[in-house]
Amino acid sequence: MGDGPLHELSDDGLNFTLDLNLKSVIYSNRSAVRAFLRQGTGGVILNTSSVLGYSPSPRFFGTHAYAAAKAGIIGFTQSIAAYYAEEGIRANILAPGLVETPMAERACQNPRILEYIRTKQPLDGGRVGRPEDLEAAIGFFLSDASPFSSLDRSSLWMAGGPCRKARIPTKWMTDHEKTGRHSPG
């Protein structure tokens, strides 16, 4: 049907998810950049990604098209930040972890997911984020207090703790990945 594990992902689900979560960002950014260039004043773009765009949670969040869209936002924003910096256009990414929103309602009511979140977002008691947790970062990026911030190599991860990449099970690793050494040849 909609988004989910890749083997269950329908074409309609893929298109809807990419339209909503990636193409809409590209279209809105294109309009903003065109306006900033016409005005000659520079400007600020703040795109929202997700920790799922770089740190999968396969046991609980198997939404592969959503993760791809959010990863796409990271690459897209880094690219436009570098390209338009000389025009005074700043582009930044805010990538929250699980936040109490209507979209997260199912996850916020699942005791197993909440236990997992306590390990993934350990700050402030391991709770789920709240929209107001993001307000200061949003205000900073959009204000004159951050004239030197434009991300072409990093993002602001608002994930309630350390952001770790998922570990690959040893059985799927190459010898190099297991040992950290290159094999001759």
Protein backbone atom coordinates (compact mmCIF):
# COMPACT_ATOMS: atom_id res chain seq x y z
CA MET A 1 0.00 0.00 0.00
CA GLY A 2 1.85 3.13 1.23
CA ASP A 3 5.33 3.55 2.61
CA GLY A 4 6.90 0.70 4.53
CA PRO A 5 9.51 -1.98 3.97
CA LEU A 6 10.80 -1.93 0.41
CA HIS A 7 9.21 -5.25 -0.56
CA GLU A 8 5.77 -3.87 0.44
CA LEU A 9 6.24 -0.40 -1.04
CA SER A 10 3.76 0.39 -3.82
CA ASP A 11 4.52 2.76 -6.67
CA ASP A 12 1.73 5.04 -5.43
CA GLY A 13 3.15 4.96 -1.90
CA LEU A 14 6.63 5.76 -3.19
CA ASN A 15 5.39 8.66 -5.33
CA PHE A 16 3.22 10.08 -2.55
CA THR A 17 6.06 9.88 0.00
CA LEU A 18 8.65 11.44 -2.30
CA ASP A 19 6.22 14.15 -3.44
CA LEU A 20 5.31 15.06 0.13
CA ASN A 21 8.73 14.75 1.76
CA LEU A 22 11.30 15.58 -0.92
CA LYS A 23 9.86 17.14 -4.05
CA SER A 24 7.87 19.69 -2.04
CA VAL A 25 11.11 20.78 -0.35
CA ILE A 26 12.88 21.14 -3.70
CA TYR A 27 10.00 23.15 -5.17
CA SER A 28 9.69 25.48 -2.18
CA ASN A 29 13.48 25.98 -2.03
CA ARG A 30 13.58 26.73 -5.76
CA SER A 31 10.93 29.43 -5.29
CA ALA A 32 12.78 30.90 -2.31
CA VAL A 33 16.14 30.94 -4.11
CA ARG A 34 14.60 32.59 -7.16
CA ALA A 35 13.09 35.30 -4.94
CA PHE A 36 16.36 35.80 -3.02
CA LEU A 37 18.30 36.12 -6.29
CA ARG A 38 15.78 38.63 -7.70
CA GLN A 39 15.96 40.72 -4.53
CA GLY A 40 19.74 40.48 -4.34
CA THR A 41 19.50 40.36 -0.54
CA GLY A 42 20.53 36.82 0.26
CA GLY A 43 18.24 34.82 2.50
CA VAL A 44 17.81 31.83 4.75
CA ILE A 45 16.42 28.38 4.04
CA LEU A 46 15.77 25.89 6.83
CA ASN A 47 14.85 22.40 5.71
CA THR A 48 13.58 19.67 7.99
CA SER A 49 15.02 16.20 7.60
CA SER A 50 14.99 13.38 10.16
CA VAL A 51 17.48 11.21 11.99
CA LEU A 52 15.97 8.40 9.90
CA GLY A 53 17.69 10.01 6.91
CA TYR A 54 21.09 8.89 8.22
CA SER A 55 20.48 6.54 11.17
CA PRO A 56 17.99 3.74 10.48
CA SER A 57 15.84 2.14 13.16
CA PRO A 58 14.89 -1.05 11.33
CA ARG A 59 13.00 -2.78 14.16
CA PHE A 60 10.47 0.03 14.54
CA PHE A 61 10.63 2.39 11.56
CA GLY A 62 10.72 0.45 8.29
CA THR A 63 9.58 3.36 6.17
CA HIS A 64 12.16 3.11 3.43
CA ALA A 65 10.80 5.75 1.07
CA TYR A 66 10.50 8.24 3.94
CA ALA A 67 14.12 7.54 4.97
CA ALA A 68 15.24 8.00 1.35
CA ALA A 69 13.37 11.31 1.10
CA LYS A 70 14.88 12.59 4.35
CA ALA A 71 18.38 11.50 3.24
CA GLY A 72 17.68 13.28 -0.03
CA ILE A 73 16.90 16.49 1.87
CA ILE A 74 20.28 16.26 3.59
CA GLY A 75 22.19 15.91 0.31
CA PHE A 76 20.05 18.51 -1.45
CA THR A 77 20.48 21.09 1.32
CA GLN A 78 24.22 20.56 1.55
CA SER A 79 24.44 21.03 -2.21
CA ILE A 80 22.45 24.26 -2.35
CA ALA A 81 24.25 25.62 0.74
CA ALA A 82 27.58 25.26 -1.04
CA TYR A 83 26.28 26.50 -4.40
CA TYR A 84 24.48 29.65 -3.23
CA ALA A 85 26.79 30.73 -0.38
CA GLU A 86 28.43 33.41 -2.52
CA GLU A 87 24.97 34.89 -3.14
CA GLY A 88 24.43 35.27 0.61
CA ILE A 89 21.88 32.48 0.70
CA ARG A 90 22.21 30.25 3.74
CA ALA A 91 20.71 26.76 3.81
CA ASN A 92 20.55 24.63 6.92
CA ILE A 93 19.03 21.34 8.02
CA LEU A 94 17.19 20.52 11.21
CA ALA A 95 17.00 16.75 11.68
CA PRO A 96 14.90 15.80 14.70
CA GLY A 97 14.49 12.40 16.25
CA LEU A 98 11.04 11.24 17.32
CA VAL A 99 8.90 14.28 18.18
CA GLU A 100 5.30 14.34 19.43
CA THR A 101 3.39 15.18 16.27
CA PRO A 102 0.27 13.72 14.67
CA MET A 103 2.51 11.66 12.37
CA ALA A 104 4.30 10.16 15.39
CA GLU A 105 1.14 9.29 17.31
CA ARG A 106 1.34 5.53 16.60
CA ALA A 107 4.97 5.37 17.72
CA CYS A 108 4.33 7.48 20.83
CA GLN A 109 1.68 5.00 22.01
CA ASN A 110 3.81 1.87 21.53
CA PRO A 111 5.59 0.81 24.77
CA ARG A 112 8.32 -1.08 22.86
CA ILE A 113 9.10 1.95 20.73
CA LEU A 114 9.13 4.22 23.79
CA GLU A 115 11.62 1.89 25.50
CA TYR A 116 13.78 1.95 22.36
CA ILE A 117 13.58 5.77 22.25
CA ARG A 118 14.91 5.92 25.82
CA THR A 119 18.13 4.36 24.51
CA LYS A 120 18.22 6.38 21.30
CA GLN A 121 17.19 9.76 22.81
CA PRO A 122 18.57 9.53 26.38
CA LEU A 123 18.58 13.25 27.23
CA ASP A 124 15.96 14.59 29.63
CA GLY A 125 14.92 11.14 30.83
CA GLY A 126 14.80 9.50 27.42
CA ARG A 127 11.52 11.12 26.49
CA VAL A 128 10.05 11.74 23.08
CA GLY A 129 10.85 15.21 21.78
CA ARG A 130 8.29 18.00 21.83
CA PRO A 131 7.81 20.60 19.10
CA GLU A 132 8.95 23.32 21.51
CA ASP A 133 12.30 21.51 21.85
CA LEU A 134 13.05 22.64 18.31
CA GLU A 135 11.97 26.27 18.67
CA ALA A 136 15.31 27.74 19.79
CA ALA A 137 17.20 26.03 16.97
CA ILE A 138 14.66 27.22 14.40
CA GLY A 139 14.79 30.76 15.76
CA PHE A 140 18.58 30.73 15.70
CA PHE A 141 18.87 29.53 12.10
CA LEU A 142 16.29 31.99 10.81
CA SER A 143 17.65 34.98 12.72
CA ASP A 144 20.48 37.42 12.22
CA ALA A 145 22.22 35.67 15.14
CA SER A 146 23.47 32.98 12.74
CA PRO A 147 24.92 34.90 9.78
CA PHE A 148 27.83 32.48 9.51
CA SER A 149 25.78 29.27 9.53
CA SER A 150 25.28 27.45 6.29
CA LEU A 151 25.70 23.72 6.21
CA ASP A 152 27.52 22.11 3.37
CA ARG A 153 29.06 19.35 5.46
CA SER A 154 26.91 19.01 8.60
CA SER A 155 23.45 19.35 10.06
CA LEU A 156 21.88 20.09 13.41
CA TRP A 157 20.67 16.77 14.75
CA MET A 158 17.96 17.37 17.37
CA ALA A 159 17.72 13.80 18.57
CA GLY A 160 17.81 13.95 22.36
CA GLY A 161 21.24 12.37 22.58
CA PRO A 162 24.14 11.04 20.57
CA CYS A 163 23.36 10.26 16.96
CA ARG A 164 24.79 6.90 16.08
CA LYS A 165 24.69 5.15 12.79
CA ALA A 166 23.09 1.73 12.88
CA ARG A 167 25.48 -1.15 13.36
CA ILE A 168 25.75 -3.70 10.60
CA PRO A 169 25.39 -7.28 11.89
CA THR A 170 28.77 -9.02 11.74
CA LYS A 171 27.42 -11.77 9.47
CA TRP A 172 26.83 -9.12 6.76
CA MET A 173 30.22 -7.44 7.09
CA THR A 174 33.18 -7.87 4.79
CA ASP A 175 36.50 -8.96 6.34
CA HIS A 176 37.69 -5.35 6.07
CA GLU A 177 34.65 -4.07 7.98
CA LYS A 178 35.13 -6.70 10.70
CA THR A 179 38.82 -5.95 11.26
CA GLY A 180 39.16 -2.37 10.07
CA ARG A 181 42.12 -3.47 7.90
CA HIS A 182 42.38 -3.61 4.16
CA SER A 183 43.23 -6.99 2.72
CA PRO A 184 46.02 -7.13 0.15
CA GLY A 185 45.09 -7.38 -3.45
